[in-house]
Amino acid sequence: MKLQKPKGTQDILPIDSAKWQYVENLARETFKKYNYGEIRTPMFEHYEVISRSVGDTTDIVTKEMYDFHDKGDRHITLRPEGTAPVVRSYVENKLFAPEVQKPVKMYYIGSMFRYERPQAGRLREFHQVGVECFGSQNPATDVETIAMAYQLFNELGIKDVILHLNSLGNTESRQAYRQALIDYLTPLRETLSKDSQRRLDENPLRVLDSKEKEDKAAVENAPSILDYLDEESQAHFDAVREMLELLQVPYVIDTNMVRGLDYYNHTIFEFITKVDKSELTICAGGRYDSLVEYFGGPATPGFGFGLGLERLLLILDKQGIELPVEESLDVYIAVLGAGANSKALELVQAIRKQGFSAERDYLGRKIKAQFKSADAFHAKTVITLGESEVEAGQVSIKNNQTREEVTVRFEDISNDFAAVFAKIK
């Protein structure tokens, strides 16, 4: 049997990992400016954590969960999304306690798992960046969180980003709209896809989210949820819109956007951009004010978003955005002869300890092959170390671009390589 990675997974090789690290680090830096701290939850959870929170009728639970019974017959699932595990942790660790500063702001970066048809930017093991903010009903929290995502996309240089905005209102508004939607769609049942016929019985708002042509046609003239917002819900949505305009975050109202999970209320949003004339969602999220209580905690408002790293990197690539990834090496040591082996190890370690990146030859190759390696590593400087240099106690260091050289003692390299490096830069 030929051993290969499982379908829907990928190997992220070092040449690509540098791009992943850049995006992840930029996300961490951006979130830190907004006072978010990192949370790391288990990669698997009890099945009920996901099924109860995202909704038993969602596609995640009915089609896509990687779930199994472990050796103790516990029903376990690999996490398919990040919000439910973070809410579970928030309640379990009593982060709602009075002594904990509010609001509680957390972000996560990690693997998620869904059993679905692999396609470009969508895998069975995928990676998500997400944020969750607990404890604030203020619409300014909605806008601040949306603005944080917008700032990240701007700093990455992503073009043509459009914010799609909608409101699901409070529970009363949503229930009133749910009934109106059922009344509208029931006469059209036979024109809907099989999935949407099921959704009409289980979760009619999900029909609005369908990508099937027949469903899109059916909902084209569906009633708008914005017509069913009560006074409280309308006031919240108006405040969000006013503050987005104040911060100059452009948006469009998208009344067919409902989000795929059951726990959302009030503000929901997606950031969408164009790639090869197709629209792709980069990031999506919204408000969920009842989820903490559903997990056994006190009534606590929440707001957050998630974005897929694979999708984000695909968009960066398709838009031709070059990330400023540092690929060069500070020093490469070419080693000539067995008598220079130990000294090469001593020097390369001394250079690394002083904060510089360094590599050396270990394979005893000809000098020409070693210089090719230095070029392949984009080495800024090259040291050629042979037995004669070891005996003399000094060595030449060459700028690999200008070819300028200086001769220095081993002690200078070991004690103050920064000064040596400055001479040859």
Protein backbone atom coordinates (compact mmCIF):
# COMPACT_ATOMS: atom_id res chain seq x y z
CA MET A 1 0.00 0.00 0.00
CA LYS A 2 1.30 3.42 -0.97
CA LEU A 3 1.18 5.67 2.08
CA GLN A 4 -0.46 9.02 1.33
CA LYS A 5 -2.16 11.76 3.28
CA PRO A 6 -5.93 11.30 3.80
CA LYS A 7 -8.27 12.85 1.25
CA GLY A 8 -9.10 16.46 2.05
CA THR A 9 -5.89 17.14 3.99
CA GLN A 10 -2.64 18.79 2.99
CA ASP A 11 1.03 18.96 3.91
CA ILE A 12 2.12 22.54 4.52
CA LEU A 13 5.77 22.51 3.51
CA PRO A 14 8.38 24.96 4.87
CA ILE A 15 8.27 27.13 1.74
CA ASP A 16 4.52 27.69 2.37
CA SER A 17 4.68 27.69 6.16
CA ALA A 18 6.51 31.01 6.06
CA LYS A 19 3.42 32.60 4.45
CA TRP A 20 1.11 30.95 7.00
CA GLN A 21 3.28 32.25 9.84
CA TYR A 22 3.27 35.77 8.42
CA VAL A 23 -0.54 35.86 8.19
CA GLU A 24 -0.98 34.28 11.65
CA ASN A 25 1.51 36.69 13.23
CA LEU A 26 -0.16 39.70 11.58
CA ALA A 27 -3.51 38.47 12.92
CA ARG A 28 -2.02 38.10 16.43
CA GLU A 29 -0.52 41.60 16.27
CA THR A 30 -3.81 43.09 15.03
CA PHE A 31 -5.91 41.35 17.70
CA LYS A 32 -3.48 42.41 20.42
CA LYS A 33 -4.10 46.06 19.50
CA TYR A 34 -7.75 45.44 20.37
CA ASN A 35 -6.84 43.73 23.68
CA TYR A 36 -7.60 40.16 22.61
CA GLY A 37 -5.74 37.24 24.22
CA GLU A 38 -5.20 33.80 22.72
CA ILE A 39 -7.21 30.75 23.82
CA ARG A 40 -6.33 27.17 22.84
CA THR A 41 -9.14 24.63 23.21
CA PRO A 42 -8.97 20.83 22.65
CA MET A 43 -9.10 19.59 19.08
CA PHE A 44 -11.99 17.31 20.02
CA GLU A 45 -15.05 17.92 22.17
CA HIS A 46 -18.02 15.99 23.49
CA TYR A 47 -20.53 15.61 20.65
CA GLU A 48 -23.19 17.59 22.54
CA VAL A 49 -20.97 20.70 22.70
CA ILE A 50 -21.26 21.03 18.93
CA SER A 51 -24.64 19.43 18.16
CA ARG A 52 -26.57 21.47 20.72
CA SER A 53 -24.85 24.78 20.01
CA VAL A 54 -24.73 24.91 16.22
CA GLY A 55 -28.12 23.18 15.91
CA ASP A 56 -29.12 19.59 15.20
CA THR A 57 -30.57 20.57 11.81
CA THR A 58 -27.49 22.34 10.43
CA ASP A 59 -25.46 20.72 7.66
CA ILE A 60 -22.47 20.61 10.03
CA VAL A 61 -24.27 18.16 12.30
CA THR A 62 -26.37 16.26 9.76
CA LYS A 63 -23.64 15.80 7.12
CA GLU A 64 -20.20 17.00 8.09
CA MET A 65 -19.28 16.01 11.65
CA TYR A 66 -16.29 13.76 12.24
CA ASP A 67 -17.75 12.02 15.28
CA PHE A 68 -17.02 8.66 16.93
CA HIS A 69 -17.27 6.75 20.20
CA ASP A 70 -13.95 6.43 22.03
CA LYS A 71 -12.74 3.45 24.07
CA GLY A 72 -14.77 4.66 27.04
CA ASP A 73 -17.87 4.82 24.81
CA ARG A 74 -17.93 8.62 25.03
CA HIS A 75 -19.42 10.32 21.97
CA ILE A 76 -16.63 12.58 20.69
CA THR A 77 -16.36 14.92 17.71
CA LEU A 78 -13.43 16.67 16.11
CA ARG A 79 -14.26 20.37 16.35
CA PRO A 80 -15.90 21.65 13.13
CA GLU A 81 -15.89 25.32 14.20
CA GLY A 82 -14.38 27.46 16.93
CA THR A 83 -17.14 29.36 18.71
CA ALA A 84 -18.83 26.49 20.59
CA PRO A 85 -15.55 25.22 22.16
CA VAL A 86 -14.64 28.75 23.26
CA VAL A 87 -18.08 29.29 24.81
CA ARG A 88 -17.81 25.91 26.56
CA SER A 89 -14.43 26.97 27.96
CA TYR A 90 -15.75 30.40 28.98
CA VAL A 91 -18.47 28.74 31.08
CA GLU A 92 -16.38 25.85 32.40
CA ASN A 93 -13.58 28.17 33.55
CA LYS A 94 -16.05 30.68 35.03
CA LEU A 95 -14.72 33.61 33.04
CA PHE A 96 -18.05 35.28 33.76
CA ALA A 97 -17.00 35.72 37.42
CA PRO A 98 -17.12 39.31 38.77
CA GLU A 99 -13.35 39.47 39.30
CA VAL A 100 -12.64 38.82 35.58
CA GLN A 101 -12.31 42.01 33.57
CA LYS A 102 -15.15 42.53 31.08
CA PRO A 103 -15.60 42.27 28.24
CA VAL A 104 -13.59 39.05 27.86
CA LYS A 105 -11.86 39.11 24.47
CA MET A 106 -10.25 35.95 23.07
CA TYR A 107 -8.93 34.73 19.71
CA TYR A 108 -7.97 31.27 18.46
CA ILE A 109 -5.95 29.81 15.60
CA GLY A 110 -6.20 26.11 14.85
CA SER A 111 -7.41 23.10 12.89
CA MET A 112 -11.10 22.39 12.30
CA PHE A 113 -12.61 19.28 10.70
CA ARG A 114 -15.61 18.76 8.42
CA TYR A 115 -16.42 15.78 6.25
CA GLU A 116 -17.34 17.52 3.01
CA ARG A 117 -16.34 17.44 -0.63
CA PRO A 118 -12.80 18.85 -0.89
CA GLN A 119 -12.40 21.81 -3.24
CA ALA A 120 -10.18 24.86 -3.72
CA GLY A 121 -9.79 26.64 -0.40
CA ARG A 122 -12.00 24.10 1.41
CA LEU A 123 -10.59 20.93 2.96
CA ARG A 124 -11.67 18.27 5.46
CA GLU A 125 -8.97 19.47 7.83
CA PHE A 126 -8.85 23.23 7.54
CA HIS A 127 -7.46 26.02 9.66
CA GLN A 128 -9.43 28.85 11.14
CA VAL A 129 -8.67 32.15 12.85
CA GLY A 130 -11.48 33.45 15.00
CA VAL A 131 -12.32 35.92 17.76
CA GLU A 132 -14.99 35.93 20.48
CA CYS A 133 -15.97 38.83 22.74
CA PHE A 134 -18.16 38.19 25.80
CA GLY A 135 -20.03 40.58 28.06
CA SER A 136 -21.03 43.56 25.90
CA GLN A 137 -24.43 44.27 24.32
CA ASN A 138 -23.16 47.61 23.05
CA PRO A 139 -23.49 47.87 19.25
CA ALA A 140 -20.06 49.52 19.37
CA THR A 141 -18.68 46.04 20.13
CA ASP A 142 -20.23 44.74 16.91
CA VAL A 143 -18.64 47.55 14.94
CA GLU A 144 -15.25 47.38 16.67
CA THR A 145 -14.99 43.65 15.91
CA ILE A 146 -15.99 44.13 12.27
CA ALA A 147 -13.49 47.01 11.99
CA MET A 148 -10.75 44.76 13.42
CA ALA A 149 -11.28 42.23 10.62
CA TYR A 150 -11.38 45.06 8.07
CA GLN A 151 -8.06 46.41 9.40
CA LEU A 152 -6.47 42.95 9.05
CA PHE A 153 -7.57 42.68 5.41
CA ASN A 154 -6.30 46.18 4.67
CA GLU A 155 -2.91 45.43 6.21
CA LEU A 156 -2.66 42.25 4.13
CA GLY A 157 -3.44 44.32 1.03
CA ILE A 158 -6.55 42.38 -0.04
CA LYS A 159 -8.44 44.25 -2.74
CA ASP A 160 -12.16 44.74 -3.42
CA VAL A 161 -13.32 43.73 0.07
CA ILE A 162 -17.04 44.40 0.63
CA LEU A 163 -18.82 44.08 3.97
CA HIS A 164 -22.25 42.40 3.68
CA LEU A 165 -24.46 43.25 6.64
CA ASN A 166 -27.79 42.03 7.96
CA SER A 167 -29.73 41.69 11.21
CA LEU A 168 -31.60 38.65 12.50
CA GLY A 169 -33.13 40.73 15.26
CA ASN A 170 -33.97 39.40 18.70
CA THR A 171 -35.84 36.16 19.41
CA GLU A 172 -39.27 37.72 18.93
CA SER A 173 -38.34 39.36 15.61
CA ARG A 174 -36.76 36.17 14.34
CA GLN A 175 -39.80 34.06 15.24
CA ALA A 176 -42.14 36.48 13.47
CA TYR A 177 -39.97 36.41 10.38
CA ARG A 178 -39.63 32.62 10.51
CA GLN A 179 -43.40 32.26 10.24
CA ALA A 180 -43.60 34.79 7.41
CA LEU A 181 -40.92 32.89 5.51
CA ILE A 182 -42.71 29.56 6.01
CA ASP A 183 -45.92 31.14 4.69
CA TYR A 184 -44.05 32.43 1.62
CA LEU A 185 -42.07 29.25 0.84
CA THR A 186 -44.73 26.59 1.50
CA PRO A 187 -46.54 27.11 -1.83
CA LEU A 188 -43.11 26.91 -3.55
CA ARG A 189 -42.02 23.69 -1.80
CA GLU A 190 -41.95 21.53 -4.95
CA THR A 191 -39.67 24.00 -6.75
CA LEU A 192 -37.04 23.84 -3.98
CA SER A 193 -34.03 21.51 -3.87
CA LYS A 194 -34.35 18.36 -1.74
CA ASP A 195 -32.10 19.90 0.93
CA SER A 196 -34.18 23.06 1.09
CA GLN A 197 -37.42 21.08 1.30
CA ARG A 198 -35.96 19.49 4.42
CA ARG A 199 -34.76 22.87 5.70
CA LEU A 200 -38.23 24.35 5.23
CA ASP A 201 -39.48 21.93 7.90
CA GLU A 202 -36.45 22.10 10.18
CA ASN A 203 -34.85 25.53 9.79
CA PRO A 204 -36.51 27.67 7.08
CA LEU A 205 -34.04 30.57 7.35
CA ARG A 206 -31.36 28.24 5.93
CA VAL A 207 -33.22 28.16 2.59
CA LEU A 208 -32.11 31.78 2.11
CA ASP A 209 -28.50 30.62 2.42
CA SER A 210 -28.74 27.93 -0.29
CA LYS A 211 -26.41 28.11 -3.30
CA GLU A 212 -28.70 25.97 -5.52
CA LYS A 213 -30.13 27.80 -8.58
CA GLU A 214 -33.72 26.74 -7.95
CA ASP A 215 -33.53 27.93 -4.33
CA LYS A 216 -32.02 31.27 -5.31
CA ALA A 217 -34.89 31.80 -7.75
CA ALA A 218 -37.48 30.83 -5.14
CA VAL A 219 -36.22 33.28 -2.49
CA GLU A 220 -35.71 36.18 -4.88
CA ASN A 221 -38.98 37.78 -3.78
CA ALA A 222 -38.99 36.43 -0.23
CA PRO A 223 -39.94 38.83 2.57
CA SER A 224 -37.05 40.70 4.16
CA ILE A 225 -36.22 40.10 7.79
CA LEU A 226 -35.59 43.82 8.17
CA ASP A 227 -39.35 44.34 7.78
CA TYR A 228 -39.91 42.24 10.91
CA LEU A 229 -37.47 43.91 13.31
CA ASP A 230 -39.11 45.22 16.46
CA GLU A 231 -38.15 48.58 18.00
CA GLU A 232 -35.23 47.19 20.03
CA SER A 233 -33.79 45.25 17.10
CA GLN A 234 -34.16 48.17 14.71
CA ALA A 235 -32.41 50.53 17.15
CA HIS A 236 -29.47 48.11 17.48
CA PHE A 237 -29.14 47.72 13.71
CA ASP A 238 -29.39 51.49 13.11
CA ALA A 239 -26.64 52.12 15.68
CA VAL A 240 -24.37 49.54 14.00
CA ARG A 241 -24.87 51.17 10.62
CA GLU A 242 -24.24 54.68 11.97
CA MET A 243 -20.99 53.62 13.66
CA LEU A 244 -19.73 51.76 10.58
CA GLU A 245 -20.27 54.96 8.61
CA LEU A 246 -18.49 56.92 11.34
CA LEU A 247 -15.44 54.63 11.00
CA GLN A 248 -15.71 54.76 7.19
CA VAL A 249 -16.17 51.00 6.83
CA PRO A 250 -18.22 50.63 3.61
CA TYR A 251 -21.02 48.06 3.61
CA VAL A 252 -24.02 46.76 1.69
CA ILE A 253 -27.25 45.40 3.19
CA ASP A 254 -27.77 41.73 2.28
CA THR A 255 -31.17 40.54 3.51
CA ASN A 256 -30.66 37.00 2.16
CA MET A 257 -27.63 36.44 4.36
CA VAL A 258 -28.60 34.42 7.44
CA ARG A 259 -25.39 32.54 8.42
CA GLY A 260 -25.35 28.78 8.70
CA LEU A 261 -25.50 28.37 12.48
CA ASP A 262 -28.55 28.56 14.72
CA TYR A 263 -27.12 30.63 17.55
CA TYR A 264 -26.90 34.06 15.87
CA ASN A 265 -29.11 37.07 16.63
CA HIS A 266 -29.01 40.78 15.79
CA THR A 267 -25.93 41.70 13.70
CA ILE A 268 -24.54 39.18 11.23
CA PHE A 269 -21.93 39.93 8.58
CA GLU A 270 -19.64 38.55 5.91
CA PHE A 271 -16.63 40.08 4.18
CA ILE A 272 -16.65 39.13 0.50
CA THR A 273 -14.10 39.75 -2.25
CA LYS A 274 -13.81 38.87 -5.95
CA VAL A 275 -11.42 36.23 -7.29
CA ASP A 276 -11.48 35.26 -10.97
CA LYS A 277 -14.86 37.01 -11.34
CA SER A 278 -16.31 34.85 -8.55
CA GLU A 279 -17.32 36.12 -5.12
CA LEU A 280 -15.58 34.46 -2.18
CA THR A 281 -16.39 34.94 1.50
CA ILE A 282 -13.23 35.66 3.50
CA CYS A 283 -14.71 36.08 6.94
CA ALA A 284 -18.11 35.73 8.62
CA GLY A 285 -19.63 36.17 12.04
CA GLY A 286 -22.10 38.01 14.19
CA ARG A 287 -23.80 38.35 17.55
CA TYR A 288 -24.92 35.43 19.75
CA ASP A 289 -26.48 36.64 23.00
CA SER A 290 -28.00 33.36 24.26
CA LEU A 291 -25.22 30.83 23.67
CA VAL A 292 -23.42 31.24 27.01
CA GLU A 293 -26.70 30.76 28.87
CA TYR A 294 -27.41 27.70 26.71
CA PHE A 295 -24.14 26.21 27.96
CA GLY A 296 -25.20 26.69 31.58
CA GLY A 297 -23.61 30.07 32.24
CA PRO A 298 -25.32 33.32 33.14
CA ALA A 299 -27.01 35.39 30.43
CA THR A 300 -24.01 36.85 28.58
CA PRO A 301 -23.94 38.64 25.22
CA GLY A 302 -21.32 37.55 22.68
CA PHE A 303 -19.95 38.62 19.33
CA GLY A 304 -17.32 37.08 17.07
CA PHE A 305 -16.15 35.96 13.65
CA GLY A 306 -14.18 33.21 11.96
CA LEU A 307 -12.04 33.17 8.84
CA GLY A 308 -10.44 30.27 6.99
CA LEU A 309 -6.69 30.50 6.55
CA GLU A 310 -6.68 28.34 3.40
CA ARG A 311 -9.30 30.59 1.83
CA LEU A 312 -7.40 33.72 2.89
CA LEU A 313 -4.10 32.47 1.44
CA LEU A 314 -5.88 31.43 -1.77
CA ILE A 315 -7.25 34.97 -2.15
CA LEU A 316 -3.82 36.51 -1.51
CA ASP A 317 -2.33 34.24 -4.18
CA LYS A 318 -5.09 34.86 -6.74
CA GLN A 319 -4.88 38.64 -6.22
CA GLY A 320 -1.10 38.51 -6.76
CA ILE A 321 -0.29 39.87 -3.30
CA GLU A 322 3.33 39.19 -2.34
CA LEU A 323 3.79 38.74 1.39
CA PRO A 324 6.99 40.25 2.85
CA VAL A 325 8.28 36.87 3.97
CA GLU A 326 11.91 36.79 5.12
CA GLU A 327 13.58 33.88 3.31
CA SER A 328 17.22 34.88 3.43
CA LEU A 329 19.96 33.46 5.63
CA ASP A 330 22.46 35.76 7.38
CA VAL A 331 25.48 33.46 7.05
CA TYR A 332 26.44 30.30 5.19
CA ILE A 333 29.69 28.52 6.16
CA ALA A 334 31.35 26.51 3.41
CA VAL A 335 33.45 23.78 5.04
CA LEU A 336 36.56 22.36 3.35
CA GLY A 337 38.12 19.25 4.82
CA ALA A 338 37.53 17.13 7.92
CA GLY A 339 39.96 19.28 9.92
CA ALA A 340 37.51 22.22 9.74
CA ASN A 341 34.41 20.25 10.85
CA SER A 342 34.57 21.01 14.59
CA LYS A 343 35.50 24.68 14.15
CA ALA A 344 32.60 25.12 11.68
CA LEU A 345 30.19 23.72 14.27
CA GLU A 346 31.64 26.02 16.95
CA LEU A 347 31.34 29.12 14.74
CA VAL A 348 27.84 28.43 13.42
CA GLN A 349 26.58 27.92 16.98
CA ALA A 350 28.26 31.12 18.19
CA ILE A 351 26.62 33.07 15.36
CA ARG A 352 23.16 31.62 16.11
CA LYS A 353 23.47 32.37 19.82
CA GLN A 354 23.96 36.04 18.91
CA GLY A 355 20.61 36.13 17.11
CA PHE A 356 21.64 35.53 13.50
CA SER A 357 20.43 32.82 11.14
CA ALA A 358 23.21 30.52 9.97
CA GLU A 359 23.77 27.26 8.13
CA ARG A 360 26.87 25.21 7.22
CA ASP A 361 27.78 22.32 4.96
CA TYR A 362 27.55 18.87 6.56
CA LEU A 363 28.01 16.72 3.47
CA GLY A 364 31.66 17.26 2.57
CA ARG A 365 30.77 18.53 -0.91
CA LYS A 366 32.95 20.35 -3.41
CA ILE A 367 33.22 24.12 -2.89
CA LYS A 368 31.16 24.90 -6.03
CA ALA A 369 28.21 22.86 -4.75
CA GLN A 370 28.41 24.61 -1.39
CA PHE A 371 28.33 28.05 -3.01
CA LYS A 372 25.22 26.95 -4.93
CA SER A 373 23.63 26.08 -1.60
CA ALA A 374 24.52 29.54 -0.27
CA ASP A 375 22.74 31.07 -3.27
CA ALA A 376 19.74 28.77 -2.86
CA PHE A 377 19.43 29.85 0.79
CA HIS A 378 19.74 33.54 -0.28
CA ALA A 379 22.66 33.84 2.12
CA LYS A 380 23.69 37.43 2.74
CA THR A 381 27.26 36.47 3.63
CA VAL A 382 29.50 33.43 3.07
CA ILE A 383 32.39 32.20 5.20
CA THR A 384 34.80 29.73 3.60
CA LEU A 385 36.47 27.68 6.31
CA GLY A 386 39.25 25.21 5.61
CA GLU A 387 42.06 23.62 7.60
CA SER A 388 44.45 26.50 6.77
CA GLU A 389 41.97 29.02 8.24
CA VAL A 390 41.67 26.90 11.37
CA GLU A 391 45.46 26.93 11.79
CA ALA A 392 45.63 30.71 11.17
CA GLY A 393 42.77 31.48 13.60
CA GLN A 394 41.06 33.80 11.12
CA VAL A 395 38.76 33.58 8.16
CA SER A 396 37.38 35.65 5.27
CA ILE A 397 33.69 36.62 5.23
CA LYS A 398 32.21 37.70 1.90
CA ASN A 399 29.11 39.71 1.05
CA ASN A 400 27.27 37.35 -1.30
CA GLN A 401 25.81 40.21 -3.36
CA THR A 402 28.65 42.73 -3.65
CA ARG A 403 31.45 40.12 -3.32
CA GLU A 404 33.24 42.45 -0.91
CA GLU A 405 35.38 40.54 1.64
CA VAL A 406 36.90 41.19 5.05
CA THR A 407 39.21 38.99 7.12
CA VAL A 408 38.31 38.57 10.78
CA ARG A 409 39.53 36.57 13.76
CA PHE A 410 37.49 33.71 15.17
CA GLU A 411 37.19 35.58 18.48
CA ASP A 412 35.52 38.52 16.72
CA ILE A 413 32.91 36.18 15.21
CA SER A 414 32.31 34.42 18.53
CA ASN A 415 32.16 37.58 20.66
CA ASP A 416 30.58 40.28 18.47
CA PHE A 417 29.29 39.02 15.16
CA ALA A 418 27.02 42.06 14.85
CA ALA A 419 30.09 44.27 14.39
CA VAL A 420 31.53 41.86 11.84
CA PHE A 421 28.21 41.68 10.00
CA ALA A 422 27.95 45.48 9.91
CA LYS A 423 31.36 45.74 8.17
CA ILE A 424 30.32 43.51 5.32
CA LYS A 425 26.66 44.56 4.86
